[in-house]
């Protein structure tokens, strides 16, 4: 799977039926190694910055899971 370079600061736009949901995000580098796992509370149809210093080091967010384990996208 090829990775497309992203801007240094990534924004996340999510649309979910619930007003507020808690999600887990996993950050990987271009070699597929996971560097950080965090949590983000988001509201539907709004854009949120991913607040982690790792994204400024060239890491990329490629997976979001709901706390129940379901895929976010």
Protein backbone atom coordinates (compact mmCIF):
# COMPACT_ATOMS: atom_id res chain seq x y z
CA UNK A 1 0.00 0.00 0.00
CA UNK A 2 1.47 3.33 -1.03
CA UNK A 3 1.31 6.25 1.35
CA UNK A 4 0.58 9.75 0.07
CA UNK A 5 2.49 12.55 1.84
CA UNK A 6 0.26 14.74 3.99
CA UNK A 7 0.65 18.30 5.28
CA UNK A 8 2.62 18.71 8.49
CA UNK A 9 -0.54 19.45 10.48
CA UNK A 10 -3.39 17.12 9.70
CA UNK A 11 -7.04 17.85 10.31
CA UNK A 12 -9.64 15.21 10.82
CA UNK A 13 -13.20 15.56 9.60
CA UNK A 14 -15.59 13.04 11.09
CA UNK A 15 -19.30 12.55 10.66
CA UNK A 16 -21.05 10.19 13.06
CA UNK A 17 -24.62 9.87 14.31
CA UNK A 18 -23.76 10.55 17.95
CA UNK A 19 -23.12 14.09 19.12
CA UNK A 20 -19.90 13.18 20.89
CA UNK A 21 -17.99 9.93 20.56
CA UNK A 22 -14.61 8.77 21.78
CA UNK A 23 -12.24 7.34 19.23
CA UNK A 24 -8.81 5.79 19.30
CA UNK A 25 -6.29 6.89 16.71
CA UNK A 26 -3.15 5.08 15.69
CA UNK A 27 -0.20 6.87 14.12
CA UNK A 28 2.19 5.14 11.76
CA UNK A 29 5.28 6.26 9.90
CA UNK A 30 5.82 5.65 6.20
CA UNK A 31 7.30 2.22 6.95
CA UNK A 32 4.15 1.10 8.72
CA UNK A 33 5.60 1.19 12.22
CA UNK A 34 3.21 2.40 14.90
CA UNK A 35 4.57 5.23 17.02
CA UNK A 36 1.68 6.44 19.10
CA UNK A 37 -1.79 5.42 20.18
CA UNK A 38 -4.05 8.06 21.64
CA UNK A 39 -7.63 9.05 22.21
CA UNK A 40 -9.65 11.83 20.66
CA UNK A 41 -13.11 13.03 21.56
CA UNK A 42 -14.87 14.33 18.49
CA UNK A 43 -18.21 15.79 17.47
CA UNK A 44 -19.87 15.00 14.15
CA UNK A 45 -19.31 17.11 11.04
CA UNK A 46 -16.55 19.21 12.56
CA UNK A 47 -12.85 19.46 11.78
CA UNK A 48 -10.36 18.74 14.53
CA UNK A 49 -6.57 19.00 14.60
CA UNK A 50 -4.78 15.90 15.80
CA UNK A 51 -2.85 17.17 18.79
CA UNK A 52 0.38 15.21 18.94
CA UNK A 53 3.96 16.25 18.31
CA UNK A 54 4.55 13.08 16.34
CA UNK A 55 2.64 14.45 13.36
CA UNK A 56 5.22 17.21 13.06
CA UNK A 57 7.91 14.54 12.69
CA UNK A 58 6.46 13.00 9.56
CA UNK A 59 4.12 10.46 11.10
CA UNK A 60 0.72 9.81 9.57
CA UNK A 61 -2.70 8.99 10.92
CA UNK A 62 -4.05 6.04 8.96
CA UNK A 63 -6.55 4.31 11.24
CA UNK A 64 -9.39 5.40 13.49
CA UNK A 65 -11.42 2.99 15.61
CA UNK A 66 -14.50 3.56 17.72
CA UNK A 67 -14.10 2.45 21.33
CA UNK A 68 -16.34 -0.52 20.54
CA UNK A 69 -13.77 -1.68 17.98
CA UNK A 70 -15.78 -0.70 14.91
CA UNK A 71 -14.02 1.08 12.08
CA UNK A 72 -14.49 4.84 12.12
CA UNK A 73 -14.57 5.13 8.35
